[in-house]
Amino acid sequence: MPQWLEDTKQNIQSLKKKGYFNSWNRYQTKAITFYLCPDLTLSNNWLEQRENIYLKNAEKLRVKAPHTNFYVYPSLEFGKSINVVPATSFVQAKEIHGYLNQSPGHELTHILLGEINSTENLPANGLWSEGVCVYLDGTKTDRHKHANSLNYSEEILKTPWQNWKNNLPSSLYPLSGSVIQYLNECFSWDLILEFLKRLKYNNDNELSIQLFKHSFTEIQQDWYLWLKKEGQPDISG
């Protein structure tokens, strides 16, 4: 666990012991218990939107959505003022600390990925988990267009995916979402799911050859070409 995440976890536990969250407003839905910071004003469908995305993504990932506690902060800055870093998912604890204007589905999808594979095999801030969470964040963003619009350097685009497997810089999250969109368009969602499930027992490059019939190097080269132009990739043919 990265040090910043460990520090956030310890700070949250300390706040809980002091009863800091006791005054937060509690709202229960079918799959999520929301804890809202006092005086926080939400739009009418804020809670409903997140639960709907959570359950929809559970179906897409073919897992049962575990009940999750979701603490909602007014802003990223408010969290930092009490030494908590939202948005953060504690996958094993089924607990999220997020802020009002973050994407509706990203952190919730981390919880779902924990039902597919443990964070030891699918690191929560690595390429594959962050890529899926960005892709399924509920914003309906075209990740191809978004990533391409950010003008990443050639050095970044050609950095081997293995280098991003365990620790993905936050600035590359849009890029990770484009990787998942590419795989879905070029191959299939079924193969992506099988890849995620089998990472526990297989080397990811060897698994790529087994499932996608191409090495990471070959797939990344084609993803690079796909990112630079419109249209469907053709490596699978």
C-alpha atoms as a PDB file:
ATOM      1  CA  MET A   1       0.000   0.000   0.000  1.00  0.00           C
ATOM      2  CA  PRO A   2       1.464   3.410  -0.957  1.00  0.00           C
ATOM      3  CA  GLN A   3       2.431   5.589   1.998  1.00  0.00           C
ATOM      4  CA  TRP A   4      -0.145   8.288   1.203  1.00  0.00           C
ATOM      5  CA  LEU A   5      -2.883   5.659   1.215  1.00  0.00           C
ATOM      6  CA  GLU A   6      -1.652   4.137   4.467  1.00  0.00           C
ATOM      7  CA  ASP A   7      -1.567   7.604   6.033  1.00  0.00           C
ATOM      8  CA  THR A   8      -5.123   8.307   4.833  1.00  0.00           C
ATOM      9  CA  LYS A   9      -6.304   5.000   6.258  1.00  0.00           C
ATOM     10  CA  GLN A  10      -4.737   5.726   9.645  1.00  0.00           C
ATOM     11  CA  ASN A  11      -6.168   9.258   9.705  1.00  0.00           C
ATOM     12  CA  ILE A  12      -9.671   7.981   8.935  1.00  0.00           C
ATOM     13  CA  GLN A  13      -9.419   5.389  11.708  1.00  0.00           C
ATOM     14  CA  SER A  14      -8.333   8.115  14.111  1.00  0.00           C
ATOM     15  CA  LEU A  15     -11.289  10.304  13.108  1.00  0.00           C
ATOM     16  CA  LYS A  16     -13.669   7.391  13.633  1.00  0.00           C
ATOM     17  CA  LYS A  17     -12.318   6.765  17.138  1.00  0.00           C
ATOM     18  CA  LYS A  18     -12.915  10.434  17.954  1.00  0.00           C
ATOM     19  CA  GLY A  19     -16.507  10.182  16.692  1.00  0.00           C
ATOM     20  CA  TYR A  20     -15.912  12.627  13.855  1.00  0.00           C
ATOM     21  CA  PHE A  21     -18.340  10.904  11.489  1.00  0.00           C
ATOM     22  CA  ASN A  22     -21.119  10.450  14.067  1.00  0.00           C
ATOM     23  CA  SER A  23     -22.775  13.695  13.032  1.00  0.00           C
ATOM     24  CA  TRP A  24     -22.739  12.870   9.325  1.00  0.00           C
ATOM     25  CA  ASN A  25     -26.101  12.268   7.681  1.00  0.00           C
ATOM     26  CA  ARG A  26     -26.735   8.630   6.826  1.00  0.00           C
ATOM     27  CA  TYR A  27     -28.704   7.456   3.772  1.00  0.00           C
ATOM     28  CA  GLN A  28     -29.269   3.775   3.048  1.00  0.00           C
ATOM     29  CA  THR A  29     -29.924   2.396  -0.421  1.00  0.00           C
ATOM     30  CA  LYS A  30     -30.046  -1.201  -1.604  1.00  0.00           C
ATOM     31  CA  ALA A  31     -26.300  -1.534  -2.161  1.00  0.00           C
ATOM     32  CA  ILE A  32     -24.692   1.552  -0.590  1.00  0.00           C
ATOM     33  CA  THR A  33     -24.799   3.343   2.746  1.00  0.00           C
ATOM     34  CA  PHE A  34     -23.930   6.981   2.161  1.00  0.00           C
ATOM     35  CA  TYR A  35     -22.484   9.166   4.915  1.00  0.00           C
ATOM     36  CA  LEU A  36     -22.802  12.826   3.981  1.00  0.00           C
ATOM     37  CA  CYS A  37     -20.806  15.621   5.554  1.00  0.00           C
ATOM     38  CA  PRO A  38     -23.129  17.945   7.535  1.00  0.00           C
ATOM     39  CA  ASP A  39     -24.623  20.825   5.519  1.00  0.00           C
ATOM     40  CA  LEU A  40     -23.720  19.096   2.265  1.00  0.00           C
ATOM     41  CA  THR A  41     -26.272  19.794  -0.470  1.00  0.00           C
ATOM     42  CA  LEU A  42     -26.789  17.180  -3.179  1.00  0.00           C
ATOM     43  CA  SER A  43     -28.701  17.270  -6.442  1.00  0.00           C
ATOM     44  CA  ASN A  44     -31.915  15.233  -6.444  1.00  0.00           C
ATOM     45  CA  ASN A  45     -30.468  12.202  -8.227  1.00  0.00           C
ATOM     46  CA  TRP A  46     -26.918  12.191  -6.810  1.00  0.00           C
ATOM     47  CA  LEU A  47     -27.367   9.082  -4.641  1.00  0.00           C
ATOM     48  CA  GLU A  48     -29.555   7.278  -7.165  1.00  0.00           C
ATOM     49  CA  GLN A  49     -27.094   7.892  -9.983  1.00  0.00           C
ATOM     50  CA  ARG A  50     -24.226   6.289  -8.071  1.00  0.00           C
ATOM     51  CA  GLU A  51     -26.193   3.257  -6.996  1.00  0.00           C
ATOM     52  CA  ASN A  52     -27.472   2.732 -10.540  1.00  0.00           C
ATOM     53  CA  ILE A  53     -23.964   2.893 -11.976  1.00  0.00           C
ATOM     54  CA  TYR A  54     -22.656   0.585  -9.241  1.00  0.00           C
ATOM     55  CA  LEU A  55     -25.266  -2.082  -9.948  1.00  0.00           C
ATOM     56  CA  LYS A  56     -24.963  -1.676 -13.713  1.00  0.00           C
ATOM     57  CA  ASN A  57     -21.180  -2.110 -13.556  1.00  0.00           C
ATOM     58  CA  ALA A  58     -21.572  -5.134 -11.288  1.00  0.00           C
ATOM     59  CA  GLU A  59     -23.590  -6.768 -14.061  1.00  0.00           C
ATOM     60  CA  LYS A  60     -21.014  -5.769 -16.638  1.00  0.00           C
ATOM     61  CA  LEU A  61     -18.199  -7.200 -14.509  1.00  0.00           C
ATOM     62  CA  ARG A  62     -20.372 -10.231 -13.643  1.00  0.00           C
ATOM     63  CA  VAL A  63     -19.981  -9.989  -9.903  1.00  0.00           C
ATOM     64  CA  LYS A  64     -22.401  -9.505  -7.041  1.00  0.00           C
ATOM     65  CA  ALA A  65     -22.118  -5.945  -5.767  1.00  0.00           C
ATOM     66  CA  PRO A  66     -21.079  -6.038  -2.096  1.00  0.00           C
ATOM     67  CA  HIS A  67     -22.666  -3.548   0.257  1.00  0.00           C
ATOM     68  CA  THR A  68     -20.404  -0.516   0.461  1.00  0.00           C
ATOM     69  CA  ASN A  69     -20.039   2.442   2.817  1.00  0.00           C
ATOM     70  CA  PHE A  70     -19.525   5.700   0.945  1.00  0.00           C
ATOM     71  CA  TYR A  71     -18.358   8.819   2.820  1.00  0.00           C
ATOM     72  CA  VAL A  72     -19.026  11.977   0.806  1.00  0.00           C
ATOM     73  CA  TYR A  73     -16.895  15.110   1.320  1.00  0.00           C
ATOM     74  CA  PRO A  74     -17.783  18.586  -0.006  1.00  0.00           C
ATOM     75  CA  SER A  75     -14.517  18.808  -1.941  1.00  0.00           C
ATOM     76  CA  LEU A  76     -11.052  17.412  -2.370  1.00  0.00           C
ATOM     77  CA  GLU A  77      -9.701  20.398  -0.441  1.00  0.00           C
ATOM     78  CA  PHE A  78     -12.028  19.730   2.517  1.00  0.00           C
ATOM     79  CA  GLY A  79     -10.720  16.196   2.779  1.00  0.00           C
ATOM     80  CA  LYS A  80      -7.153  17.358   2.735  1.00  0.00           C
ATOM     81  CA  SER A  81      -7.919  19.853   5.505  1.00  0.00           C
ATOM     82  CA  ILE A  82      -8.620  16.923   7.842  1.00  0.00           C
ATOM     83  CA  ASN A  83      -5.723  14.840   6.470  1.00  0.00           C
ATOM     84  CA  VAL A  84      -7.883  12.563   4.358  1.00  0.00           C
ATOM     85  CA  VAL A  85      -7.328  12.096   0.641  1.00  0.00           C
ATOM     86  CA  PRO A  86     -10.569  11.527  -1.235  1.00  0.00           C
ATOM     87  CA  ALA A  87     -11.239   9.893  -3.615  1.00  0.00           C
ATOM     88  CA  THR A  88      -9.996   6.684  -2.053  1.00  0.00           C
ATOM     89  CA  SER A  89     -11.328   3.130  -2.059  1.00  0.00           C
ATOM     90  CA  PHE A  90     -10.455   0.616   0.627  1.00  0.00           C
ATOM     91  CA  VAL A  91     -11.332  -2.478  -1.329  1.00  0.00           C
ATOM     92  CA  GLN A  92     -11.164  -5.106   1.401  1.00  0.00           C
ATOM     93  CA  ALA A  93     -13.082  -2.932   3.861  1.00  0.00           C
ATOM     94  CA  LYS A  94     -15.714  -2.082   1.197  1.00  0.00           C
ATOM     95  CA  GLU A  95     -15.393   1.592   2.056  1.00  0.00           C
ATOM     96  CA  ILE A  96     -15.065   4.704  -0.106  1.00  0.00           C
ATOM     97  CA  HIS A  97     -14.086   8.247   0.794  1.00  0.00           C
ATOM     98  CA  GLY A  98     -15.009  10.507  -2.081  1.00  0.00           C
ATOM     99  CA  TYR A  99     -15.890  14.093  -2.827  1.00  0.00           C
ATOM    100  CA  LEU A 100     -18.914  15.714  -4.337  1.00  0.00           C
ATOM    101  CA  ASN A 101     -17.722  16.412  -7.879  1.00  0.00           C
ATOM    102  CA  GLN A 102     -15.750  13.257  -8.629  1.00  0.00           C
ATOM    103  CA  SER A 103     -16.963  10.921 -11.363  1.00  0.00           C
ATOM    104  CA  PRO A 104     -19.939   8.850 -10.208  1.00  0.00           C
ATOM    105  CA  GLY A 105     -18.578   5.374 -10.840  1.00  0.00           C
ATOM    106  CA  HIS A 106     -14.785   5.290 -10.573  1.00  0.00           C
ATOM    107  CA  GLU A 107     -14.272   4.469  -6.879  1.00  0.00           C
ATOM    108  CA  LEU A 108     -17.278   2.153  -6.786  1.00  0.00           C
ATOM    109  CA  THR A 109     -15.766   0.156  -9.637  1.00  0.00           C
ATOM    110  CA  HIS A 110     -12.629  -0.413  -7.545  1.00  0.00           C
ATOM    111  CA  ILE A 111     -14.834  -2.201  -5.012  1.00  0.00           C
ATOM    112  CA  LEU A 112     -16.267  -4.394  -7.763  1.00  0.00           C
ATOM    113  CA  LEU A 113     -12.827  -5.249  -9.148  1.00  0.00           C
ATOM    114  CA  GLY A 114     -11.923  -6.498  -5.676  1.00  0.00           C
ATOM    115  CA  GLU A 115     -14.589  -9.170  -6.188  1.00  0.00           C
ATOM    116  CA  ILE A 116     -12.832 -10.316  -9.374  1.00  0.00           C
ATOM    117  CA  ASN A 117      -9.265 -10.360  -8.105  1.00  0.00           C
ATOM    118  CA  SER A 118      -7.390  -9.156  -5.049  1.00  0.00           C
ATOM    119  CA  THR A 119      -5.384  -5.950  -5.053  1.00  0.00           C
ATOM    120  CA  GLU A 120      -2.233  -8.082  -4.802  1.00  0.00           C
ATOM    121  CA  ASN A 121      -2.911  -9.400  -8.297  1.00  0.00           C
ATOM    122  CA  LEU A 122      -4.723  -6.353  -9.645  1.00  0.00           C
ATOM    123  CA  PRO A 123      -3.065  -3.362  -7.932  1.00  0.00           C
ATOM    124  CA  ALA A 124      -5.649  -0.694  -7.219  1.00  0.00           C
ATOM    125  CA  ASN A 125      -3.527   2.084  -8.696  1.00  0.00           C
ATOM    126  CA  GLY A 126      -2.057   0.050 -11.538  1.00  0.00           C
ATOM    127  CA  LEU A 127      -2.799   0.170 -15.248  1.00  0.00           C
ATOM    128  CA  TRP A 128      -5.481  -2.508 -15.405  1.00  0.00           C
ATOM    129  CA  SER A 129      -7.580  -1.567 -12.404  1.00  0.00           C
ATOM    130  CA  GLU A 130      -7.392   2.169 -13.031  1.00  0.00           C
ATOM    131  CA  GLY A 131      -8.073   1.628 -16.708  1.00  0.00           C
ATOM    132  CA  VAL A 132     -11.263  -0.305 -16.013  1.00  0.00           C
ATOM    133  CA  CYS A 133     -12.385   2.203 -13.370  1.00  0.00           C
ATOM    134  CA  VAL A 134     -11.812   5.115 -15.741  1.00  0.00           C
ATOM    135  CA  TYR A 135     -13.587   3.312 -18.569  1.00  0.00           C
ATOM    136  CA  LEU A 136     -16.594   2.470 -16.365  1.00  0.00           C
ATOM    137  CA  ASP A 137     -16.726   5.737 -14.414  1.00  0.00           C
ATOM    138  CA  GLY A 138     -20.237   6.540 -15.589  1.00  0.00           C
ATOM    139  CA  THR A 139     -19.397   9.720 -17.491  1.00  0.00           C
ATOM    140  CA  LYS A 140     -19.794   8.146 -20.964  1.00  0.00           C
ATOM    141  CA  THR A 141     -16.552   9.780 -22.064  1.00  0.00           C
ATOM    142  CA  ASP A 142     -14.956   8.649 -25.319  1.00  0.00           C
ATOM    143  CA  ARG A 143     -11.567   7.689 -23.900  1.00  0.00           C
ATOM    144  CA  HIS A 144      -9.969   7.613 -27.327  1.00  0.00           C
ATOM    145  CA  LYS A 145     -10.809  11.250 -27.994  1.00  0.00           C
ATOM    146  CA  HIS A 146     -10.079  12.385 -24.461  1.00  0.00           C
ATOM    147  CA  ALA A 147      -6.653  10.757 -24.240  1.00  0.00           C
ATOM    148  CA  ASN A 148      -5.729  11.948 -27.697  1.00  0.00           C
ATOM    149  CA  SER A 149      -6.697  15.515 -26.826  1.00  0.00           C
ATOM    150  CA  LEU A 150      -4.237  15.651 -23.927  1.00  0.00           C
ATOM    151  CA  ASN A 151      -1.174  15.564 -26.176  1.00  0.00           C
ATOM    152  CA  TYR A 152       0.872  13.050 -24.227  1.00  0.00           C
ATOM    153  CA  SER A 153       4.520  12.913 -25.217  1.00  0.00           C
ATOM    154  CA  GLU A 154       5.853  10.146 -27.436  1.00  0.00           C
ATOM    155  CA  GLU A 155       7.995   9.007 -24.521  1.00  0.00           C
ATOM    156  CA  ILE A 156       4.917   8.427 -22.363  1.00  0.00           C
ATOM    157  CA  LEU A 157       2.896   6.754 -25.106  1.00  0.00           C
ATOM    158  CA  LYS A 158       5.713   4.326 -25.845  1.00  0.00           C
ATOM    159  CA  THR A 159       6.545   3.507 -22.220  1.00  0.00           C
ATOM    160  CA  PRO A 160       6.041  -0.278 -21.901  1.00  0.00           C
ATOM    161  CA  TRP A 161       2.750  -1.156 -20.229  1.00  0.00           C
ATOM    162  CA  GLN A 162       4.647  -3.349 -17.777  1.00  0.00           C
ATOM    163  CA  ASN A 163       6.051  -0.149 -16.258  1.00  0.00           C
ATOM    164  CA  TRP A 164       2.527   0.992 -15.421  1.00  0.00           C
ATOM    165  CA  LYS A 165       1.283  -2.348 -14.110  1.00  0.00           C
ATOM    166  CA  ASN A 166       1.730  -1.620 -10.405  1.00  0.00           C
ATOM    167  CA  ASN A 167       1.876   2.148 -10.120  1.00  0.00           C
ATOM    168  CA  LEU A 168       0.173   4.467 -12.574  1.00  0.00           C
ATOM    169  CA  PRO A 169       0.750   8.230 -12.237  1.00  0.00           C
ATOM    170  CA  SER A 170      -2.563  10.057 -11.770  1.00  0.00           C
ATOM    171  CA  SER A 171      -1.867  12.148 -14.880  1.00  0.00           C
ATOM    172  CA  LEU A 172      -2.065   8.968 -16.968  1.00  0.00           C
ATOM    173  CA  TYR A 173      -5.515   7.869 -15.829  1.00  0.00           C
ATOM    174  CA  PRO A 174      -7.172   9.095 -19.060  1.00  0.00           C
ATOM    175  CA  LEU A 175      -4.614   7.092 -21.009  1.00  0.00           C
ATOM    176  CA  SER A 176      -5.388   3.933 -19.043  1.00  0.00           C
ATOM    177  CA  GLY A 177      -9.063   4.292 -19.894  1.00  0.00           C
ATOM    178  CA  SER A 178      -8.179   4.436 -23.569  1.00  0.00           C
ATOM    179  CA  VAL A 179      -6.297   1.132 -23.243  1.00  0.00           C
ATOM    180  CA  ILE A 180      -9.452  -0.602 -21.991  1.00  0.00           C
ATOM    181  CA  GLN A 181     -11.586   1.043 -24.686  1.00  0.00           C
ATOM    182  CA  TYR A 182      -9.091  -0.138 -27.308  1.00  0.00           C
ATOM    183  CA  LEU A 183      -9.125  -3.731 -26.008  1.00  0.00           C
ATOM    184  CA  ASN A 184     -12.913  -3.743 -25.929  1.00  0.00           C
ATOM    185  CA  GLU A 185     -13.213  -2.452 -29.489  1.00  0.00           C
ATOM    186  CA  CYS A 186     -10.443  -4.605 -30.889  1.00  0.00           C
ATOM    187  CA  PHE A 187     -11.125  -7.857 -29.046  1.00  0.00           C
ATOM    188  CA  SER A 188     -14.088  -8.238 -26.676  1.00  0.00           C
ATOM    189  CA  TRP A 189     -15.323  -7.472 -23.195  1.00  0.00           C
ATOM    190  CA  ASP A 190     -15.393 -11.208 -22.456  1.00  0.00           C
ATOM    191  CA  LEU A 191     -11.654 -11.450 -23.096  1.00  0.00           C
ATOM    192  CA  ILE A 192     -10.970  -8.433 -20.892  1.00  0.00           C
ATOM    193  CA  LEU A 193     -12.884 -10.054 -18.033  1.00  0.00           C
ATOM    194  CA  GLU A 194     -11.070 -13.344 -18.510  1.00  0.00           C
ATOM    195  CA  PHE A 195      -7.764 -11.484 -18.486  1.00  0.00           C
ATOM    196  CA  LEU A 196      -8.631  -9.752 -15.192  1.00  0.00           C
ATOM    197  CA  LYS A 197      -9.759 -12.984 -13.559  1.00  0.00           C
ATOM    198  CA  ARG A 198      -6.723 -15.010 -14.583  1.00  0.00           C
ATOM    199  CA  LEU A 199      -4.073 -12.470 -13.566  1.00  0.00           C
ATOM    200  CA  LYS A 200      -3.961 -14.255 -10.214  1.00  0.00           C
ATOM    201  CA  TYR A 201      -2.387 -17.322 -11.764  1.00  0.00           C
ATOM    202  CA  ASN A 202      -0.613 -16.054 -14.870  1.00  0.00           C
ATOM    203  CA  ASN A 203       2.077 -13.678 -16.056  1.00  0.00           C
ATOM    204  CA  ASP A 204       0.175 -10.866 -17.744  1.00  0.00           C
ATOM    205  CA  ASN A 205       2.248 -10.852 -20.936  1.00  0.00           C
ATOM    206  CA  GLU A 206       1.919 -14.635 -21.315  1.00  0.00           C
ATOM    207  CA  LEU A 207      -1.790 -14.309 -20.557  1.00  0.00           C
ATOM    208  CA  SER A 208      -2.070 -11.642 -23.256  1.00  0.00           C
ATOM    209  CA  ILE A 209      -0.606 -14.075 -25.799  1.00  0.00           C
ATOM    210  CA  GLN A 210      -3.021 -16.799 -24.674  1.00  0.00           C
ATOM    211  CA  LEU A 211      -6.155 -14.657 -24.785  1.00  0.00           C
ATOM    212  CA  PHE A 212      -5.456 -11.883 -27.288  1.00  0.00           C
ATOM    213  CA  LYS A 213      -3.016 -13.918 -29.418  1.00  0.00           C
ATOM    214  CA  HIS A 214      -0.511 -11.062 -29.284  1.00  0.00           C
ATOM    215  CA  SER A 215       2.165  -9.893 -26.863  1.00  0.00           C
ATOM    216  CA  PHE A 216       1.867  -6.661 -24.916  1.00  0.00           C
ATOM    217  CA  THR A 217       4.433  -5.116 -27.208  1.00  0.00           C
ATOM    218  CA  GLU A 218       2.393  -5.922 -30.315  1.00  0.00           C
ATOM    219  CA  ILE A 219      -0.871  -4.799 -28.748  1.00  0.00           C
ATOM    220  CA  GLN A 220       0.644  -1.586 -27.435  1.00  0.00           C
ATOM    221  CA  GLN A 221       2.019  -0.744 -30.851  1.00  0.00           C
ATOM    222  CA  ASP A 222      -1.433  -1.130 -32.367  1.00  0.00           C
ATOM    223  CA  TRP A 223      -3.068   0.797 -29.516  1.00  0.00           C
ATOM    224  CA  TYR A 224      -0.613   3.615 -30.264  1.00  0.00           C
ATOM    225  CA  LEU A 225      -1.709   3.673 -33.923  1.00  0.00           C
ATOM    226  CA  TRP A 226      -5.371   3.473 -32.877  1.00  0.00           C
ATOM    227  CA  LEU A 227      -4.903   6.405 -30.521  1.00  0.00           C
ATOM    228  CA  LYS A 228      -3.430   8.514 -33.306  1.00  0.00           C
ATOM    229  CA  LYS A 229      -6.262   8.021 -35.740  1.00  0.00           C
ATOM    230  CA  GLU A 230      -9.965   7.444 -35.984  1.00  0.00           C
ATOM    231  CA  GLY A 231     -11.415   4.060 -36.792  1.00  0.00           C
ATOM    232  CA  GLN A 232     -11.285   0.487 -35.626  1.00  0.00           C
ATOM    233  CA  PRO A 233      -7.984  -1.265 -34.865  1.00  0.00           C
ATOM    234  CA  ASP A 234      -7.329  -4.342 -36.978  1.00  0.00           C
ATOM    235  CA  ILE A 235      -4.760  -6.380 -35.030  1.00  0.00           C
ATOM    236  CA  SER A 236      -7.292  -9.078 -34.080  1.00  0.00           C
ATOM    237  CA  GLY A 237      -7.966  -9.898 -37.712  1.00  0.00           C
END
